[in-house]
Amino acid sequence: MRIKGIITLALAAVMGCMHGGAQSEAKSSTVSEADVGRLGPEQEALVDEARQALANAGDALSRTNLRLQEAQNEEGTAKADQHAAESDQKVADAQQKVANDSRDPDALEKACQLQEQAKAHKLADDAHLEYAGKLIDQRKAEMQAAEQQVKVAQARVEWSKLQALEQAKNPAATKYDPGRFQTAVNDAQGDLDKAVQKAHDLEVQATAARQQWEDSQRRLQAQGDGTSNQTGTGSGK
């Protein structure tokens, strides 16, 4: 009797684990690799397509990260331009002091021109730094959108696995709740839509800041300083 009791308890424990595992899978939005391994070549085509979309999303994320790095380089260039503008202002101030002391008309005129150019440089360089900051904000938002696109693709891969099991009429499909998979995809897509909208809004701001910077450059060049200290790449385009 004691042996029978032990066997009964063991069977109950096994059944409990199986029941618990089934409940866990029903609450999950991922398909186990063991179940995916039951798919034949024909059913795997749907999953392979979703996996390719995931790979593409990963590639897009890498490209977006490179654009963020370019924007950060743009900010470094803008800061260097600002330092150059500060040097120009110091030179202009020194020339102004000499001209004021001498009261020489030519020196005063030259000092006035240097002051105007230094101020124009400062305005252009401030606009450049403002643009670089807006561009970084845009690129960071695009990174968040790209990361969310990867999450959408991951959710679609899992959904495709379940759809493939269902199309193959594989009994393993009944362990899962299709609604959870669809909800996972819809939720991820909703977050992606928000991230894309945020990136678009910041792109509008960066574009406006870039226009202001370019306008300030044109005003600087109109003063006869066509070369100027501006070295930015304008990587926002």
Protein backbone atom coordinates (compact mmCIF):
# COMPACT_ATOMS: atom_id res chain seq x y z
CA MET A 1 0.00 0.00 0.00
CA ARG A 2 2.84 2.30 0.81
CA ILE A 3 4.37 1.79 -2.67
CA LYS A 4 1.02 2.47 -4.34
CA GLY A 5 0.71 5.68 -2.32
CA ILE A 6 4.13 6.87 -3.46
CA ILE A 7 3.27 6.12 -7.09
CA THR A 8 -0.01 7.99 -6.77
CA LEU A 9 1.74 11.05 -5.32
CA ALA A 10 4.38 10.95 -8.05
CA LEU A 11 1.76 10.80 -10.78
CA ALA A 12 -0.11 13.67 -9.17
CA ALA A 13 3.07 15.72 -9.09
CA VAL A 14 3.78 15.01 -12.76
CA MET A 15 0.25 15.91 -13.78
CA GLY A 16 0.48 19.07 -11.71
CA CYS A 17 3.69 20.11 -13.48
CA MET A 18 2.16 19.39 -16.87
CA HIS A 19 -0.92 21.40 -15.99
CA GLY A 20 1.20 24.23 -14.65
CA GLY A 21 3.35 24.22 -17.79
CA ALA A 22 0.30 24.38 -20.00
CA GLN A 23 -1.07 27.31 -18.01
CA SER A 24 2.29 29.07 -18.29
CA GLU A 25 2.37 28.65 -22.05
CA ALA A 26 -1.22 29.85 -22.32
CA LYS A 27 -0.22 33.05 -20.56
CA SER A 28 2.92 33.50 -22.65
CA SER A 29 3.36 35.42 -25.92
CA THR A 30 6.36 33.36 -26.99
CA VAL A 31 6.46 29.91 -28.58
CA SER A 32 8.91 27.36 -27.19
CA GLU A 33 11.74 26.23 -29.45
CA ALA A 34 10.63 22.65 -28.91
CA ASP A 35 7.28 23.42 -30.54
CA VAL A 36 8.93 25.38 -33.35
CA GLY A 37 11.08 22.34 -34.03
CA ARG A 38 7.93 20.44 -34.96
CA LEU A 39 7.37 22.63 -38.01
CA GLY A 40 8.14 21.32 -41.46
CA PRO A 41 9.95 23.30 -44.19
CA GLU A 42 6.67 24.55 -45.68
CA GLN A 43 5.42 25.92 -42.36
CA GLU A 44 8.78 27.50 -41.56
CA ALA A 45 8.50 29.89 -44.52
CA LEU A 46 6.15 32.15 -42.57
CA VAL A 47 8.54 32.24 -39.64
CA ASP A 48 11.57 32.83 -41.88
CA GLU A 49 9.85 35.86 -43.40
CA ALA A 50 9.21 37.34 -39.96
CA ARG A 51 12.80 36.62 -38.92
CA GLN A 52 14.06 38.45 -42.01
CA ALA A 53 11.98 41.46 -41.02
CA LEU A 54 13.57 41.30 -37.58
CA ALA A 55 17.05 41.21 -39.14
CA ASN A 56 16.16 44.23 -41.29
CA ALA A 57 14.97 46.10 -38.20
CA GLY A 58 18.29 45.32 -36.51
CA ASP A 59 20.20 46.68 -39.51
CA ALA A 60 18.09 49.84 -39.47
CA LEU A 61 18.85 50.26 -35.78
CA SER A 62 22.59 50.09 -36.51
CA ARG A 63 22.28 52.72 -39.25
CA THR A 64 20.29 54.98 -36.94
CA ASN A 65 22.99 54.65 -34.29
CA LEU A 66 25.58 55.81 -36.82
CA ARG A 67 23.47 58.89 -37.60
CA LEU A 68 23.34 59.65 -33.88
CA GLN A 69 27.12 59.48 -33.72
CA GLU A 70 27.33 61.86 -36.70
CA ALA A 71 25.05 64.30 -34.89
CA GLN A 72 27.26 64.11 -31.80
CA ASN A 73 30.25 64.88 -34.02
CA GLU A 74 28.34 67.85 -35.39
CA GLU A 75 27.93 69.16 -31.87
CA GLY A 76 31.68 68.80 -31.29
CA THR A 77 32.34 70.81 -34.44
CA ALA A 78 29.89 73.49 -33.36
CA LYS A 79 31.62 73.84 -30.00
CA ALA A 80 34.97 74.16 -31.77
CA ASP A 81 33.47 76.92 -33.93
CA GLN A 82 32.34 78.71 -30.80
CA HIS A 83 35.87 78.68 -29.40
CA ALA A 84 37.12 80.13 -32.70
CA ALA A 85 34.48 82.85 -32.49
CA GLU A 86 35.61 83.72 -28.98
CA SER A 87 39.16 84.11 -30.31
CA ASP A 88 37.88 86.37 -33.10
CA GLN A 89 36.09 88.51 -30.55
CA LYS A 90 39.27 88.89 -28.48
CA VAL A 91 41.19 89.98 -31.57
CA ALA A 92 38.46 92.46 -32.45
CA ASP A 93 38.43 93.85 -28.92
CA ALA A 94 42.22 94.28 -28.98
CA GLN A 95 42.05 96.10 -32.32
CA GLN A 96 39.24 98.25 -31.01
CA LYS A 97 41.35 99.31 -28.01
CA VAL A 98 44.30 100.23 -30.23
CA ALA A 99 42.03 102.18 -32.57
CA ASN A 100 40.36 104.02 -29.70
CA ASP A 101 43.73 104.99 -28.30
CA SER A 102 45.10 106.22 -31.63
CA ARG A 103 41.84 107.71 -32.92
CA ASP A 104 43.15 106.94 -36.40
CA PRO A 105 40.15 106.94 -38.81
CA ASP A 106 41.41 103.94 -40.80
CA ALA A 107 42.12 101.98 -37.63
CA LEU A 108 38.71 102.84 -36.23
CA GLU A 109 37.01 101.72 -39.44
CA LYS A 110 38.98 98.46 -39.49
CA ALA A 111 38.17 97.83 -35.81
CA CYS A 112 34.48 98.42 -36.50
CA GLN A 113 34.54 95.88 -39.33
CA LEU A 114 36.27 93.33 -37.10
CA GLN A 115 33.67 93.86 -34.39
CA GLU A 116 30.83 93.30 -36.85
CA GLN A 117 32.43 90.14 -38.23
CA ALA A 118 33.11 88.80 -34.72
CA LYS A 119 29.48 89.38 -33.73
CA ALA A 120 28.29 87.70 -36.93
CA HIS A 121 30.56 84.74 -36.21
CA LYS A 122 29.16 84.49 -32.69
CA LEU A 123 25.56 84.52 -33.92
CA ALA A 124 26.31 81.90 -36.57
CA ASP A 125 28.18 79.67 -34.15
CA ASP A 126 25.43 79.92 -31.53
CA ALA A 127 22.92 78.94 -34.21
CA HIS A 128 25.15 76.03 -35.23
CA LEU A 129 25.31 74.72 -31.66
CA GLU A 130 21.56 75.13 -31.28
CA TYR A 131 21.00 73.14 -34.46
CA ALA A 132 23.44 70.41 -33.36
CA GLY A 133 21.57 70.03 -30.07
CA LYS A 134 18.22 69.75 -31.85
CA LEU A 135 19.71 67.24 -34.28
CA ILE A 136 20.94 65.06 -31.41
CA ASP A 137 17.46 65.15 -29.86
CA GLN A 138 16.01 64.06 -33.20
CA ARG A 139 18.51 61.23 -33.63
CA LYS A 140 17.94 59.98 -30.08
CA ALA A 141 14.20 59.87 -30.75
CA GLU A 142 14.86 58.01 -33.99
CA MET A 143 16.97 55.53 -32.01
CA GLN A 144 14.05 54.93 -29.67
CA ALA A 145 11.77 54.39 -32.67
CA ALA A 146 14.26 51.99 -34.26
CA GLU A 147 14.56 50.04 -31.01
CA GLN A 148 10.78 49.84 -30.81
CA GLN A 149 10.66 48.62 -34.42
CA VAL A 150 12.88 45.74 -33.34
CA LYS A 151 10.42 44.93 -30.55
CA VAL A 152 7.56 44.93 -33.03
CA ALA A 153 9.49 42.57 -35.29
CA GLN A 154 10.26 40.28 -32.36
CA ALA A 155 6.58 40.12 -31.43
CA ARG A 156 5.70 39.35 -35.05
CA VAL A 157 8.23 36.50 -35.12
CA GLU A 158 6.53 34.87 -32.14
CA TRP A 159 3.10 35.40 -33.67
CA SER A 160 4.30 33.87 -36.94
CA LYS A 161 5.46 30.77 -35.05
CA LEU A 162 2.00 30.27 -33.59
CA GLN A 163 0.33 30.93 -36.95
CA ALA A 164 2.62 28.34 -38.55
CA LEU A 165 1.69 25.77 -35.89
CA GLU A 166 -2.00 26.53 -36.46
CA GLN A 167 -1.68 26.23 -40.24
CA ALA A 168 0.10 22.90 -39.79
CA LYS A 169 -2.75 21.82 -37.49
CA ASN A 170 -0.12 20.92 -34.94
CA PRO A 171 -1.64 20.04 -31.54
CA ALA A 172 1.04 22.17 -29.87
CA ALA A 173 -0.79 25.28 -31.10
CA THR A 174 -3.65 24.64 -28.68
CA LYS A 175 -1.35 25.30 -25.71
CA TYR A 176 -1.15 28.99 -26.56
CA ASP A 177 -3.60 31.89 -26.44
CA PRO A 178 -3.58 33.60 -29.87
CA GLY A 179 -5.06 36.73 -28.33
CA ARG A 180 -1.96 37.29 -26.23
CA PHE A 181 0.27 37.16 -29.30
CA GLN A 182 -1.89 39.61 -31.22
CA THR A 183 -2.06 41.92 -28.20
CA ALA A 184 1.74 41.83 -27.90
CA VAL A 185 2.07 42.87 -31.55
CA ASN A 186 -0.59 45.59 -31.27
CA ASP A 187 0.92 47.03 -28.08
CA ALA A 188 4.40 47.11 -29.58
CA GLN A 189 3.05 48.74 -32.74
CA GLY A 190 1.22 51.36 -30.70
CA ASP A 191 4.44 52.27 -28.87
CA LEU A 192 6.23 52.41 -32.22
CA ASP A 193 3.66 54.82 -33.65
CA LYS A 194 4.18 57.14 -30.67
CA ALA A 195 7.96 56.95 -31.00
CA VAL A 196 7.81 57.71 -34.72
CA GLN A 197 5.56 60.72 -34.10
CA LYS A 198 7.96 62.05 -31.46
CA ALA A 199 10.89 61.67 -33.83
CA HIS A 200 8.94 63.49 -36.55
CA ASP A 201 8.13 66.38 -34.21
CA LEU A 202 11.78 66.73 -33.24
CA GLU A 203 12.81 66.55 -36.89
CA VAL A 204 10.63 69.60 -37.57
CA GLN A 205 12.41 71.48 -34.77
CA ALA A 206 15.85 70.42 -36.02
CA THR A 207 14.99 71.47 -39.57
CA ALA A 208 13.93 74.92 -38.34
CA ALA A 209 17.15 75.26 -36.32
CA ARG A 210 19.19 74.23 -39.34
CA GLN A 211 17.47 76.89 -41.43
CA GLN A 212 18.33 79.54 -38.84
CA TRP A 213 21.96 78.41 -38.84
CA GLU A 214 22.16 78.53 -42.65
CA ASP A 215 20.57 82.00 -42.66
CA SER A 216 23.18 83.21 -40.18
CA GLN A 217 25.93 81.78 -42.38
CA ARG A 218 24.59 83.65 -45.39
CA ARG A 219 24.51 86.90 -43.42
CA LEU A 220 28.10 86.27 -42.37
CA GLN A 221 29.17 85.67 -45.95
CA ALA A 222 27.32 88.79 -47.06
CA GLN A 223 29.69 90.80 -44.88
CA GLY A 224 32.56 89.69 -47.09
CA ASP A 225 33.79 86.77 -45.00
CA GLY A 226 33.04 84.01 -47.44
CA THR A 227 35.39 81.50 -45.86
CA SER A 228 34.32 82.06 -42.21
CA ASN A 229 35.11 79.71 -39.37
CA GLN A 230 32.11 77.47 -40.04
CA THR A 231 33.20 73.87 -40.43
CA GLY A 232 30.01 71.94 -39.70
CA THR A 233 28.89 69.15 -41.97
CA GLY A 234 25.19 69.84 -41.70
CA SER A 235 24.61 66.12 -41.25
CA GLY A 236 20.90 66.57 -40.69
CA LYS A 237 20.03 66.31 -44.35
